[in-house]
C-alpha atoms as a PDB file:
ATOM      1  CA  MET A   1      -4.161  -6.303 -20.472  1.00  0.00           C
ATOM      2  CA  ARG A   2      -1.699  -6.535 -17.260  1.00  0.00           C
ATOM      3  CA  PHE A   3       0.223 -10.257 -16.402  1.00  0.00           C
ATOM      4  CA  ASP A   4       2.263  -9.567 -14.272  1.00  0.00           C
ATOM      5  CA  ILE A   5       2.130  -7.189 -10.788  1.00  0.00           C
ATOM      6  CA  SER A   6       5.640  -6.707 -10.583  1.00  0.00           C
ATOM      7  CA  LEU A   7       7.251  -2.987 -10.759  1.00  0.00           C
ATOM      8  CA  PRO A   8       7.760  -2.434 -14.718  1.00  0.00           C
ATOM      9  CA  GLY A   9      11.194  -1.932 -16.189  1.00  0.00           C
ATOM     10  CA  GLN A  10      13.903  -1.574 -13.988  1.00  0.00           C
ATOM     11  CA  GLN A  11      12.250   0.686 -11.357  1.00  0.00           C
ATOM     12  CA  LEU A  12      12.832  -2.446  -9.019  1.00  0.00           C
ATOM     13  CA  SER A  13      16.524  -2.019  -9.772  1.00  0.00           C
ATOM     14  CA  PHE A  14      16.733   1.966  -9.108  1.00  0.00           C
ATOM     15  CA  ALA A  15      14.579   1.294  -5.768  1.00  0.00           C
ATOM     16  CA  LYS A  16      17.302  -1.061  -4.717  1.00  0.00           C
ATOM     17  CA  GLN A  17      19.897   1.167  -5.459  1.00  0.00           C
ATOM     18  CA  ILE A  18      18.599   4.096  -3.669  1.00  0.00           C
ATOM     19  CA  ILE A  19      17.875   1.954  -0.538  1.00  0.00           C
ATOM     20  CA  ALA A  20      20.937   0.908  -0.337  1.00  0.00           C
ATOM     21  CA  LEU A  21      22.688   3.958   0.111  1.00  0.00           C
ATOM     22  CA  GLY A  22      21.639   3.418   3.488  1.00  0.00           C
ATOM     23  CA  LYS A  23      19.676   6.681   3.882  1.00  0.00           C
ATOM     24  CA  PRO A  24      16.289   6.902   4.994  1.00  0.00           C
ATOM     25  CA  THR A  25      13.748   6.913   1.787  1.00  0.00           C
ATOM     26  CA  VAL A  26      10.001   7.048   0.800  1.00  0.00           C
ATOM     27  CA  VAL A  27       9.199   5.047  -1.992  1.00  0.00           C
ATOM     28  CA  VAL A  28       6.132   6.431  -3.991  1.00  0.00           C
ATOM     29  CA  THR A  29       3.569   4.499  -5.871  1.00  0.00           C
ATOM     30  CA  VAL A  30       1.557   5.782  -8.377  1.00  0.00           C
ATOM     31  CA  SER A  31      -0.639   3.263 -10.119  1.00  0.00           C
ATOM     32  CA  GLY A  32      -4.431   2.019 -11.028  1.00  0.00           C
ATOM     33  CA  GLY A  33      -4.199  -1.484 -10.225  1.00  0.00           C
ATOM     34  CA  GLN A  34      -2.080  -3.498  -7.538  1.00  0.00           C
ATOM     35  CA  LEU A  35       1.676  -3.859  -7.411  1.00  0.00           C
ATOM     36  CA  ALA A  36       3.469  -6.681  -5.543  1.00  0.00           C
ATOM     37  CA  ILE A  37       6.259  -4.394  -3.976  1.00  0.00           C
ATOM     38  CA  ASP A  38       6.902  -6.866  -1.335  1.00  0.00           C
ATOM     39  CA  SER A  39      10.172  -6.856  -2.145  1.00  0.00           C
ATOM     40  CA  VAL A  40      10.836  -3.247  -1.579  1.00  0.00           C
ATOM     41  CA  ALA A  41       9.091  -3.614   1.922  1.00  0.00           C
ATOM     42  CA  THR A  42      11.380  -5.498   3.187  1.00  0.00           C
ATOM     43  CA  MET A  43      15.065  -4.300   1.871  1.00  0.00           C
ATOM     44  CA  GLY A  44      15.333  -1.979   5.278  1.00  0.00           C
ATOM     45  CA  GLU A  45      13.819  -0.322   8.699  1.00  0.00           C
ATOM     46  CA  GLN A  46      14.653   3.223   6.866  1.00  0.00           C
ATOM     47  CA  VAL A  47      12.445   2.530   3.927  1.00  0.00           C
ATOM     48  CA  ALA A  48       8.702   4.212   3.710  1.00  0.00           C
ATOM     49  CA  ILE A  49       5.870   3.292   1.489  1.00  0.00           C
ATOM     50  CA  VAL A  50       3.456   5.344   0.141  1.00  0.00           C
ATOM     51  CA  ASN A  51       0.331   4.227  -2.613  1.00  0.00           C
ATOM     52  CA  ALA A  52      -0.389   7.541  -4.091  1.00  0.00           C
ATOM     53  CA  PHE A  53      -2.784   5.010  -6.384  1.00  0.00           C
ATOM     54  CA  ASN A  54      -3.875   7.254  -9.123  1.00  0.00           C
ATOM     55  CA  PRO A  55      -3.699  10.982  -7.804  1.00  0.00           C
ATOM     56  CA  CYS A  56      -5.668  14.085  -9.283  1.00  0.00           C
ATOM     57  CA  ILE A  57      -3.405  16.645 -11.506  1.00  0.00           C
ATOM     58  CA  LEU A  58      -2.116  17.879  -8.304  1.00  0.00           C
ATOM     59  CA  GLY A  59      -1.967  15.028  -6.114  1.00  0.00           C
ATOM     60  CA  MET A  60       1.751  14.379  -6.216  1.00  0.00           C
ATOM     61  CA  LYS A  61       2.316  17.888  -5.573  1.00  0.00           C
ATOM     62  CA  ALA A  62      -0.035  17.244  -2.286  1.00  0.00           C
ATOM     63  CA  VAL A  63       2.133  13.841  -1.852  1.00  0.00           C
ATOM     64  CA  ALA A  64       5.219  15.820  -1.881  1.00  0.00           C
ATOM     65  CA  ALA A  65       3.980  18.486   0.959  1.00  0.00           C
ATOM     66  CA  GLN A  66       2.741  15.578   3.072  1.00  0.00           C
ATOM     67  CA  ILE A  67       6.348  13.784   2.916  1.00  0.00           C
ATOM     68  CA  PHE A  68       8.485  17.215   3.092  1.00  0.00           C
ATOM     69  CA  GLY A  69       6.432  18.174   6.281  1.00  0.00           C
ATOM     70  CA  LEU A  70       5.135  21.463   4.304  1.00  0.00           C
ATOM     71  CA  HIS A  71       1.457  20.757   5.087  1.00  0.00           C
ATOM     72  CA  ASN A  72       0.285  18.322   7.635  1.00  0.00           C
ATOM     73  CA  ARG A  73      -3.668  17.662   7.094  1.00  0.00           C
ATOM     74  CA  TRP A  74      -4.394  16.423  10.592  1.00  0.00           C
END
C-alpha cells in the first residue's frame, strides 16, 4: 500500500540535477498508479513528460523509438 504519490527515493533529486543542466529533457514515468510530478512539470521550458504507465515487455523500447524519432506511428 502506498501512502504517498510523490516520486520515490532519490528520483526527484535526480530529475532536478538532470534538468538543471539546461538541455532538452524527456522525463518518462513508468508506474502502475498516480504520481505527483507537478514539481518536475514546472522546472523548465525544455522539459517534456511522458507517462508510459505500465508498458508491456517491449513497451520501453517502443517509447524510446518514439522519443528518438526512430518510429512515428502517425
